[in-house]
Amino acid sequence: MADTIAETVELLYTIDQESLTPDQQIALGTALANLAQAERLEQINERLRGIHQVLNTWAMKATVDGGR
């Protein structure tokens, strides 16, 4: 997903905003806002993966320690 976001950022920032109609400028602003949200969701997803790994490790350790 990170590659897709990077490619989209590159594409959006190559657009000559001064040549856009007002409707196109609004659409571009909306696209940029959606992109920022997608980037934030990806960051949240990465943190959740880390939390999942920690919890999974704790659960496995508890299973091993509990079996003694």
PDB file of N, CA and C in Angstrom:
ATOM      1  N   MET A   1       0.826  -1.196   0.000  1.00  0.00           N
ATOM      2  CA  MET A   1       0.000   0.000   0.000  1.00  0.00           C
ATOM      3  C   MET A   1       0.869   1.259   0.000  1.00  0.00           C
ATOM      4  N   ALA A   2       2.005   1.215   0.660  1.00  0.00           N
ATOM      5  CA  ALA A   2       2.870   2.390   0.742  1.00  0.00           C
ATOM      6  C   ALA A   2       3.322   2.836  -0.642  1.00  0.00           C
ATOM      7  N   ASP A   3       3.611   1.888  -1.536  1.00  0.00           N
ATOM      8  CA  ASP A   3       4.016   2.245  -2.891  1.00  0.00           C
ATOM      9  C   ASP A   3       2.905   2.973  -3.623  1.00  0.00           C
ATOM     10  N   THR A   4       1.675   2.491  -3.446  1.00  0.00           N
ATOM     11  CA  THR A   4       0.529   3.123  -4.087  1.00  0.00           C
ATOM     12  C   THR A   4       0.351   4.548  -3.578  1.00  0.00           C
ATOM     13  N   ILE A   5       0.490   4.747  -2.280  1.00  0.00           N
ATOM     14  CA  ILE A   5       0.364   6.085  -1.707  1.00  0.00           C
ATOM     15  C   ILE A   5       1.447   6.994  -2.257  1.00  0.00           C
ATOM     16  N   ALA A   6       2.674   6.514  -2.297  1.00  0.00           N
ATOM     17  CA  ALA A   6       3.786   7.324  -2.809  1.00  0.00           C
ATOM     18  C   ALA A   6       3.571   7.697  -4.273  1.00  0.00           C
ATOM     19  N   GLU A   7       3.122   6.751  -5.061  1.00  0.00           N
ATOM     20  CA  GLU A   7       2.863   7.024  -6.477  1.00  0.00           C
ATOM     21  C   GLU A   7       1.740   8.043  -6.633  1.00  0.00           C
ATOM     22  N   THR A   8       0.715   7.931  -5.807  1.00  0.00           N
ATOM     23  CA  THR A   8      -0.407   8.861  -5.875  1.00  0.00           C
ATOM     24  C   THR A   8       0.033  10.261  -5.470  1.00  0.00           C
ATOM     25  N   VAL A   9       0.841  10.353  -4.423  1.00  0.00           N
ATOM     26  CA  VAL A   9       1.361  11.655  -3.996  1.00  0.00           C
ATOM     27  C   VAL A   9       2.137  12.298  -5.136  1.00  0.00           C
ATOM     28  N   GLU A  10       3.011  11.520  -5.736  1.00  0.00           N
ATOM     29  CA  GLU A  10       3.816  12.044  -6.842  1.00  0.00           C
ATOM     30  C   GLU A  10       2.929  12.550  -7.976  1.00  0.00           C
ATOM     31  N   LEU A  11       1.926  11.786  -8.320  1.00  0.00           N
ATOM     32  CA  LEU A  11       1.008  12.168  -9.386  1.00  0.00           C
ATOM     33  C   LEU A  11       0.245  13.434  -9.034  1.00  0.00           C
ATOM     34  N   LEU A  12      -0.297  13.503  -7.828  1.00  0.00           N
ATOM     35  CA  LEU A  12      -1.089  14.663  -7.433  1.00  0.00           C
ATOM     36  C   LEU A  12      -0.260  15.941  -7.392  1.00  0.00           C
ATOM     37  N   TYR A  13       0.989  15.827  -6.969  1.00  0.00           N
ATOM     38  CA  TYR A  13       1.814  17.027  -6.873  1.00  0.00           C
ATOM     39  C   TYR A  13       2.409  17.460  -8.203  1.00  0.00           C
ATOM     40  N   THR A  14       2.244  16.666  -9.260  1.00  0.00           N
ATOM     41  CA  THR A  14       2.705  17.086 -10.582  1.00  0.00           C
ATOM     42  C   THR A  14       1.630  17.854 -11.338  1.00  0.00           C
ATOM     43  N   ILE A  15       0.440  17.905 -10.779  1.00  0.00           N
ATOM     44  CA  ILE A  15      -0.670  18.599 -11.433  1.00  0.00           C
ATOM     45  C   ILE A  15      -0.456  20.114 -11.324  1.00  0.00           C
ATOM     46  N   ASP A  16      -0.607  20.806 -12.432  1.00  0.00           N
ATOM     47  CA  ASP A  16      -0.514  22.265 -12.451  1.00  0.00           C
ATOM     48  C   ASP A  16      -1.841  22.826 -11.948  1.00  0.00           C
ATOM     49  N   GLN A  17      -1.865  23.193 -10.689  1.00  0.00           N
ATOM     50  CA  GLN A  17      -3.111  23.626 -10.054  1.00  0.00           C
ATOM     51  C   GLN A  17      -3.662  24.920 -10.643  1.00  0.00           C
ATOM     52  N   GLU A  18      -2.798  25.754 -11.172  1.00  0.00           N
ATOM     53  CA  GLU A  18      -3.243  27.035 -11.713  1.00  0.00           C
ATOM     54  C   GLU A  18      -4.059  26.877 -12.992  1.00  0.00           C
ATOM     55  N   SER A  19      -3.891  25.748 -13.676  1.00  0.00           N
ATOM     56  CA  SER A  19      -4.625  25.526 -14.921  1.00  0.00           C
ATOM     57  C   SER A  19      -5.953  24.804 -14.698  1.00  0.00           C
ATOM     58  N   LEU A  20      -6.272  24.498 -13.452  1.00  0.00           N
ATOM     59  CA  LEU A  20      -7.504  23.754 -13.161  1.00  0.00           C
ATOM     60  C   LEU A  20      -8.699  24.689 -13.035  1.00  0.00           C
ATOM     61  N   THR A  21      -9.861  24.165 -13.369  1.00  0.00           N
ATOM     62  CA  THR A  21     -11.104  24.895 -13.131  1.00  0.00           C
ATOM     63  C   THR A  21     -11.402  24.843 -11.639  1.00  0.00           C
ATOM     64  N   PRO A  22     -12.281  25.697 -11.155  1.00  0.00           N
ATOM     65  CA  PRO A  22     -12.638  25.635  -9.729  1.00  0.00           C
ATOM     66  C   PRO A  22     -13.134  24.242  -9.305  1.00  0.00           C
ATOM     67  N   ASP A  23     -13.925  23.601 -10.134  1.00  0.00           N
ATOM     68  CA  ASP A  23     -14.409  22.247  -9.799  1.00  0.00           C
ATOM     69  C   ASP A  23     -13.257  21.252  -9.721  1.00  0.00           C
ATOM     70  N   GLN A  24     -12.300  21.380 -10.624  1.00  0.00           N
ATOM     71  CA  GLN A  24     -11.142  20.495 -10.603  1.00  0.00           C
ATOM     72  C   GLN A  24     -10.266  20.770  -9.377  1.00  0.00           C
ATOM     73  N   GLN A  25     -10.170  22.037  -8.991  1.00  0.00           N
ATOM     74  CA  GLN A  25      -9.400  22.381  -7.791  1.00  0.00           C
ATOM     75  C   GLN A  25     -10.041  21.772  -6.546  1.00  0.00           C
ATOM     76  N   ILE A  26     -11.366  21.805  -6.494  1.00  0.00           N
ATOM     77  CA  ILE A  26     -12.089  21.192  -5.369  1.00  0.00           C
ATOM     78  C   ILE A  26     -11.847  19.684  -5.366  1.00  0.00           C
ATOM     79  N   ALA A  27     -11.920  19.076  -6.542  1.00  0.00           N
ATOM     80  CA  ALA A  27     -11.683  17.627  -6.639  1.00  0.00           C
ATOM     81  C   ALA A  27     -10.256  17.280  -6.215  1.00  0.00           C
ATOM     82  N   LEU A  28      -9.294  18.100  -6.605  1.00  0.00           N
ATOM     83  CA  LEU A  28      -7.908  17.870  -6.214  1.00  0.00           C
ATOM     84  C   LEU A  28      -7.752  18.006  -4.699  1.00  0.00           C
ATOM     85  N   GLY A  29      -8.375  19.032  -4.130  1.00  0.00           N
ATOM     86  CA  GLY A  29      -8.333  19.204  -2.672  1.00  0.00           C
ATOM     87  C   GLY A  29      -8.926  18.010  -1.955  1.00  0.00           C
ATOM     88  N   THR A  30     -10.022  17.494  -2.472  1.00  0.00           N
ATOM     89  CA  THR A  30     -10.650  16.309  -1.901  1.00  0.00           C
ATOM     90  C   THR A  30      -9.730  15.100  -2.013  1.00  0.00           C
ATOM     91  N   ALA A  31      -9.089  14.955  -3.162  1.00  0.00           N
ATOM     92  CA  ALA A  31      -8.156  13.833  -3.363  1.00  0.00           C
ATOM     93  C   ALA A  31      -6.988  13.923  -2.389  1.00  0.00           C
ATOM     94  N   LEU A  32      -6.465  15.129  -2.192  1.00  0.00           N
ATOM     95  CA  LEU A  32      -5.352  15.303  -1.255  1.00  0.00           C
ATOM     96  C   LEU A  32      -5.781  14.987   0.179  1.00  0.00           C
ATOM     97  N   ALA A  33      -6.989  15.402   0.542  1.00  0.00           N
ATOM     98  CA  ALA A  33      -7.501  15.104   1.885  1.00  0.00           C
ATOM     99  C   ALA A  33      -7.680  13.597   2.064  1.00  0.00           C
ATOM    100  N   ASN A  34      -8.206  12.937   1.046  1.00  0.00           N
ATOM    101  CA  ASN A  34      -8.377  11.481   1.118  1.00  0.00           C
ATOM    102  C   ASN A  34      -7.036  10.773   1.204  1.00  0.00           C
ATOM    103  N   LEU A  35      -6.065  11.290   0.495  1.00  0.00           N
ATOM    104  CA  LEU A  35      -4.725  10.714   0.543  1.00  0.00           C
ATOM    105  C   LEU A  35      -4.127  10.857   1.943  1.00  0.00           C
ATOM    106  N   ALA A  36      -4.283  12.021   2.542  1.00  0.00           N
ATOM    107  CA  ALA A  36      -3.778  12.230   3.903  1.00  0.00           C
ATOM    108  C   ALA A  36      -4.450  11.253   4.868  1.00  0.00           C
ATOM    109  N   GLN A  37      -5.736  11.040   4.693  1.00  0.00           N
ATOM    110  CA  GLN A  37      -6.448  10.087   5.546  1.00  0.00           C
ATOM    111  C   GLN A  37      -5.914   8.672   5.330  1.00  0.00           C
ATOM    112  N   ALA A  38      -5.652   8.299   4.088  1.00  0.00           N
ATOM    113  CA  ALA A  38      -5.118   6.964   3.795  1.00  0.00           C
ATOM    114  C   ALA A  38      -3.742   6.784   4.430  1.00  0.00           C
ATOM    115  N   GLU A  39      -2.920   7.825   4.371  1.00  0.00           N
ATOM    116  CA  GLU A  39      -1.596   7.746   4.994  1.00  0.00           C
ATOM    117  C   GLU A  39      -1.728   7.560   6.499  1.00  0.00           C
ATOM    118  N   ARG A  40      -2.646   8.276   7.102  1.00  0.00           N
ATOM    119  CA  ARG A  40      -2.861   8.160   8.550  1.00  0.00           C
ATOM    120  C   ARG A  40      -3.370   6.765   8.902  1.00  0.00           C
ATOM    121  N   LEU A  41      -4.280   6.240   8.107  1.00  0.00           N
ATOM    122  CA  LEU A  41      -4.795   4.891   8.363  1.00  0.00           C
ATOM    123  C   LEU A  41      -3.688   3.846   8.231  1.00  0.00           C
ATOM    124  N   GLU A  42      -2.778   4.052   7.291  1.00  0.00           N
ATOM    125  CA  GLU A  42      -1.656   3.125   7.141  1.00  0.00           C
ATOM    126  C   GLU A  42      -0.759   3.180   8.371  1.00  0.00           C
ATOM    127  N   GLN A  43      -0.538   4.384   8.918  1.00  0.00           N
ATOM    128  CA  GLN A  43       0.267   4.513  10.134  1.00  0.00           C
ATOM    129  C   GLN A  43      -0.410   3.799  11.302  1.00  0.00           C
ATOM    130  N   ILE A  44      -1.711   3.968  11.417  1.00  0.00           N
ATOM    131  CA  ILE A  44      -2.465   3.297  12.483  1.00  0.00           C
ATOM    132  C   ILE A  44      -2.371   1.783  12.305  1.00  0.00           C
ATOM    133  N   ASN A  45      -2.504   1.327  11.073  1.00  0.00           N
ATOM    134  CA  ASN A  45      -2.426  -0.104  10.786  1.00  0.00           C
ATOM    135  C   ASN A  45      -1.062  -0.672  11.176  1.00  0.00           C
ATOM    136  N   GLU A  46       0.007   0.063  10.892  1.00  0.00           N
ATOM    137  CA  GLU A  46       1.349  -0.388  11.270  1.00  0.00           C
ATOM    138  C   GLU A  46       1.474  -0.506  12.787  1.00  0.00           C
ATOM    139  N   ARG A  47       0.941   0.455  13.514  1.00  0.00           N
ATOM    140  CA  ARG A  47       0.992   0.407  14.980  1.00  0.00           C
ATOM    141  C   ARG A  47       0.181  -0.761  15.517  1.00  0.00           C
ATOM    142  N   LEU A  48      -0.971  -1.001  14.903  1.00  0.00           N
ATOM    143  CA  LEU A  48      -1.789  -2.134  15.337  1.00  0.00           C
ATOM    144  C   LEU A  48      -1.078  -3.462  15.092  1.00  0.00           C
ATOM    145  N   ARG A  49      -0.336  -3.557  13.990  1.00  0.00           N
ATOM    146  CA  ARG A  49       0.436  -4.777  13.734  1.00  0.00           C
ATOM    147  C   ARG A  49       1.472  -4.992  14.840  1.00  0.00           C
ATOM    148  N   GLY A  50       2.130  -3.908  15.243  1.00  0.00           N
ATOM    149  CA  GLY A  50       3.117  -4.002  16.327  1.00  0.00           C
ATOM    150  C   GLY A  50       2.477  -4.435  17.631  1.00  0.00           C
ATOM    151  N   ILE A  51       1.337  -3.858  17.944  1.00  0.00           N
ATOM    152  CA  ILE A  51       0.613  -4.224  19.170  1.00  0.00           C
ATOM    153  C   ILE A  51       0.197  -5.691  19.099  1.00  0.00           C
ATOM    154  N   HIS A  52      -0.282  -6.120  17.943  1.00  0.00           N
ATOM    155  CA  HIS A  52      -0.688  -7.513  17.767  1.00  0.00           C
ATOM    156  C   HIS A  52       0.489  -8.455  18.009  1.00  0.00           C
ATOM    157  N   GLN A  53       1.652  -8.093  17.503  1.00  0.00           N
ATOM    158  CA  GLN A  53       2.832  -8.939  17.702  1.00  0.00           C
ATOM    159  C   GLN A  53       3.180  -9.050  19.182  1.00  0.00           C
ATOM    160  N   VAL A  54       3.117  -7.933  19.914  1.00  0.00           N
ATOM    161  CA  VAL A  54       3.412  -7.951  21.353  1.00  0.00           C
ATOM    162  C   VAL A  54       2.410  -8.824  22.088  1.00  0.00           C
ATOM    163  N   LEU A  55       1.134  -8.630  21.801  1.00  0.00           N
ATOM    164  CA  LEU A  55       0.096  -9.413  22.482  1.00  0.00           C
ATOM    165  C   LEU A  55       0.224 -10.900  22.151  1.00  0.00           C
ATOM    166  N   ASN A  56       0.532 -11.200  20.905  1.00  0.00           N
ATOM    167  CA  ASN A  56       0.696 -12.588  20.498  1.00  0.00           C
ATOM    168  C   ASN A  56       1.875 -13.220  21.237  1.00  0.00           C
ATOM    169  N   THR A  57       2.967 -12.472  21.363  1.00  0.00           N
ATOM    170  CA  THR A  57       4.128 -12.967  22.101  1.00  0.00           C
ATOM    171  C   THR A  57       3.772 -13.221  23.555  1.00  0.00           C
ATOM    172  N   TRP A  58       3.051 -12.298  24.165  1.00  0.00           N
ATOM    173  CA  TRP A  58       2.631 -12.476  25.567  1.00  0.00           C
ATOM    174  C   TRP A  58       1.744 -13.700  25.715  1.00  0.00           C
ATOM    175  N   ALA A  59       0.814 -13.869  24.770  1.00  0.00           N
ATOM    176  CA  ALA A  59      -0.100 -15.019  24.850  1.00  0.00           C
ATOM    177  C   ALA A  59       0.657 -16.336  24.715  1.00  0.00           C
ATOM    178  N   MET A  60       1.623 -16.375  23.807  1.00  0.00           N
ATOM    179  CA  MET A  60       2.409 -17.597  23.627  1.00  0.00           C
ATOM    180  C   MET A  60       3.255 -17.865  24.882  1.00  0.00           C
ATOM    181  N   LYS A  61       3.827 -16.824  25.452  1.00  0.00           N
ATOM    182  CA  LYS A  61       4.639 -16.977  26.653  1.00  0.00           C
ATOM    183  C   LYS A  61       3.767 -17.467  27.816  1.00  0.00           C
ATOM    184  N   ALA A  62       2.565 -16.926  27.926  1.00  0.00           N
ATOM    185  CA  ALA A  62       1.654 -17.351  28.988  1.00  0.00           C
ATOM    186  C   ALA A  62       1.268 -18.819  28.823  1.00  0.00           C
ATOM    187  N   THR A  63       1.111 -19.239  27.585  1.00  0.00           N
ATOM    188  CA  THR A  63       0.771 -20.642  27.315  1.00  0.00           C
ATOM    189  C   THR A  63       1.925 -21.551  27.718  1.00  0.00           C
ATOM    190  N   VAL A  64       3.140 -21.146  27.369  1.00  0.00           N
ATOM    191  CA  VAL A  64       4.307 -21.955  27.720  1.00  0.00           C
ATOM    192  C   VAL A  64       4.524 -21.954  29.226  1.00  0.00           C
ATOM    193  N   ASP A  65       4.451 -20.790  29.859  1.00  0.00           N
ATOM    194  CA  ASP A  65       4.641 -20.693  31.306  1.00  0.00           C
ATOM    195  C   ASP A  65       3.531 -21.395  32.069  1.00  0.00           C
ATOM    196  N   GLY A  66       2.315 -21.351  31.533  1.00  0.00           N
ATOM    197  CA  GLY A  66       1.191 -21.987  32.202  1.00  0.00           C
ATOM    198  C   GLY A  66       1.229 -23.500  32.096  1.00  0.00           C
ATOM    199  N   GLY A  67       1.949 -24.015  31.127  1.00  0.00           N
ATOM    200  CA  GLY A  67       2.026 -25.452  30.923  1.00  0.00           C
ATOM    201  C   GLY A  67       3.085 -26.126  31.780  1.00  0.00           C
ATOM    202  N   ARG A  68       3.803 -25.360  32.565  1.00  0.00           N
ATOM    203  CA  ARG A  68       4.863 -25.945  33.399  1.00  0.00           C
ATOM    204  C   ARG A  68       4.349 -26.505  34.671  1.00  0.00           C
TER     205      ARG A  68
END
